[in-house]
Amino acid sequence: MRDTVYDDSQYIIEKIRSAGKPIRLVSNTAARTGQELWEDLQTKGLDFALTEIITSGDMLLDINLKLGL
């Protein structure tokens, strides 16, 4: 599934944005950072801003920083 891009994916992303709705991509990967995922999405023609991508690994890092771990 990692390399699967469904037909009309970018079109749907653009329709959501044009309707003024915020969009987020949430991934349960802890092995890849949001930056790595963003780079991969760009090569697949999916236009997300880095700030629109949330990974479990990034969330864990944020939580650990807040807890001083």
C-alpha atoms as a PDB file:
ATOM      1  CA  MET A   1       0.000   0.000   0.000  1.00  0.00           C
ATOM      2  CA  ARG A   2       2.900   2.377   0.648  1.00  0.00           C
ATOM      3  CA  ASP A   3       3.342   3.205  -3.029  1.00  0.00           C
ATOM      4  CA  THR A   4      -0.337   3.215  -3.974  1.00  0.00           C
ATOM      5  CA  VAL A   5      -1.807   6.514  -5.138  1.00  0.00           C
ATOM      6  CA  TYR A   6      -5.477   6.291  -5.968  1.00  0.00           C
ATOM      7  CA  ASP A   7      -6.867   7.880  -9.111  1.00  0.00           C
ATOM      8  CA  ASP A   8      -8.061  11.461  -8.606  1.00  0.00           C
ATOM      9  CA  SER A   9      -6.304  11.777  -5.225  1.00  0.00           C
ATOM     10  CA  GLN A  10      -4.836  15.195  -6.017  1.00  0.00           C
ATOM     11  CA  TYR A  11      -8.130  16.332  -7.546  1.00  0.00           C
ATOM     12  CA  ILE A  12      -9.961  15.461  -4.316  1.00  0.00           C
ATOM     13  CA  ILE A  13      -7.324  17.252  -2.226  1.00  0.00           C
ATOM     14  CA  GLU A  14      -7.771  20.357  -4.386  1.00  0.00           C
ATOM     15  CA  LYS A  15     -11.589  20.187  -4.107  1.00  0.00           C
ATOM     16  CA  ILE A  16     -11.376  20.048  -0.305  1.00  0.00           C
ATOM     17  CA  ARG A  17      -9.049  23.056  -0.266  1.00  0.00           C
ATOM     18  CA  SER A  18     -11.154  25.025  -2.751  1.00  0.00           C
ATOM     19  CA  ALA A  19     -14.133  24.515  -0.440  1.00  0.00           C
ATOM     20  CA  GLY A  20     -12.131  26.284   2.270  1.00  0.00           C
ATOM     21  CA  LYS A  21     -11.775  23.161   4.393  1.00  0.00           C
ATOM     22  CA  PRO A  22      -8.564  22.378   6.258  1.00  0.00           C
ATOM     23  CA  ILE A  23      -6.915  19.111   5.319  1.00  0.00           C
ATOM     24  CA  ARG A  24      -4.535  16.889   7.255  1.00  0.00           C
ATOM     25  CA  LEU A  25      -2.772  13.670   6.420  1.00  0.00           C
ATOM     26  CA  VAL A  26      -2.447  11.506   9.530  1.00  0.00           C
ATOM     27  CA  SER A  27      -0.090   8.535   9.470  1.00  0.00           C
ATOM     28  CA  ASN A  28       0.621   5.958  12.127  1.00  0.00           C
ATOM     29  CA  THR A  29       4.217   5.551  10.978  1.00  0.00           C
ATOM     30  CA  ALA A  30       6.833   6.090  13.630  1.00  0.00           C
ATOM     31  CA  ALA A  31       9.627   5.000  11.303  1.00  0.00           C
ATOM     32  CA  ARG A  32       9.401   8.039   9.033  1.00  0.00           C
ATOM     33  CA  THR A  33       9.271  11.722   9.922  1.00  0.00           C
ATOM     34  CA  GLY A  34       6.721  14.101   8.512  1.00  0.00           C
ATOM     35  CA  GLN A  35       9.514  15.539   6.364  1.00  0.00           C
ATOM     36  CA  GLU A  36      10.299  12.125   4.865  1.00  0.00           C
ATOM     37  CA  LEU A  37       6.634  11.439   4.217  1.00  0.00           C
ATOM     38  CA  TRP A  38       6.211  14.904   2.653  1.00  0.00           C
ATOM     39  CA  GLU A  39       9.144  14.280   0.297  1.00  0.00           C
ATOM     40  CA  ASP A  40       7.650  10.937  -0.751  1.00  0.00           C
ATOM     41  CA  LEU A  41       4.229  12.513  -1.367  1.00  0.00           C
ATOM     42  CA  GLN A  42       5.789  15.242  -3.511  1.00  0.00           C
ATOM     43  CA  THR A  43       7.397  12.630  -5.784  1.00  0.00           C
ATOM     44  CA  LYS A  44       3.972  11.015  -6.178  1.00  0.00           C
ATOM     45  CA  GLY A  45       2.334  14.288  -7.208  1.00  0.00           C
ATOM     46  CA  LEU A  46       0.401  14.810  -3.980  1.00  0.00           C
ATOM     47  CA  ASP A  47       0.603  18.409  -2.874  1.00  0.00           C
ATOM     48  CA  PHE A  48       0.554  18.626   0.906  1.00  0.00           C
ATOM     49  CA  ALA A  49       2.232  21.259   3.025  1.00  0.00           C
ATOM     50  CA  LEU A  50       4.587  19.861   5.640  1.00  0.00           C
ATOM     51  CA  THR A  51       2.373  21.435   8.313  1.00  0.00           C
ATOM     52  CA  GLU A  52      -0.568  19.341   7.044  1.00  0.00           C
ATOM     53  CA  ILE A  53       1.186  16.038   7.798  1.00  0.00           C
ATOM     54  CA  ILE A  54       0.975  14.437  11.234  1.00  0.00           C
ATOM     55  CA  THR A  55       2.824  11.214  12.047  1.00  0.00           C
ATOM     56  CA  SER A  56       2.804   9.223  15.253  1.00  0.00           C
ATOM     57  CA  GLY A  57       6.584   9.565  15.401  1.00  0.00           C
ATOM     58  CA  ASP A  58       6.358  13.352  15.241  1.00  0.00           C
ATOM     59  CA  MET A  59       3.679  13.362  17.937  1.00  0.00           C
ATOM     60  CA  LEU A  60       5.801  11.173  20.191  1.00  0.00           C
ATOM     61  CA  LEU A  61       8.751  13.512  19.755  1.00  0.00           C
ATOM     62  CA  ASP A  62       6.574  16.514  20.678  1.00  0.00           C
ATOM     63  CA  ILE A  63       5.209  14.753  23.757  1.00  0.00           C
ATOM     64  CA  ASN A  64       8.669  13.674  24.920  1.00  0.00           C
ATOM     65  CA  LEU A  65       9.963  17.242  24.537  1.00  0.00           C
ATOM     66  CA  LYS A  66       7.052  18.608  26.557  1.00  0.00           C
ATOM     67  CA  LEU A  67       7.683  16.023  29.286  1.00  0.00           C
ATOM     68  CA  GLY A  68      11.405  16.721  29.284  1.00  0.00           C
ATOM     69  CA  LEU A  69      12.280  13.178  28.218  1.00  0.00           C
END
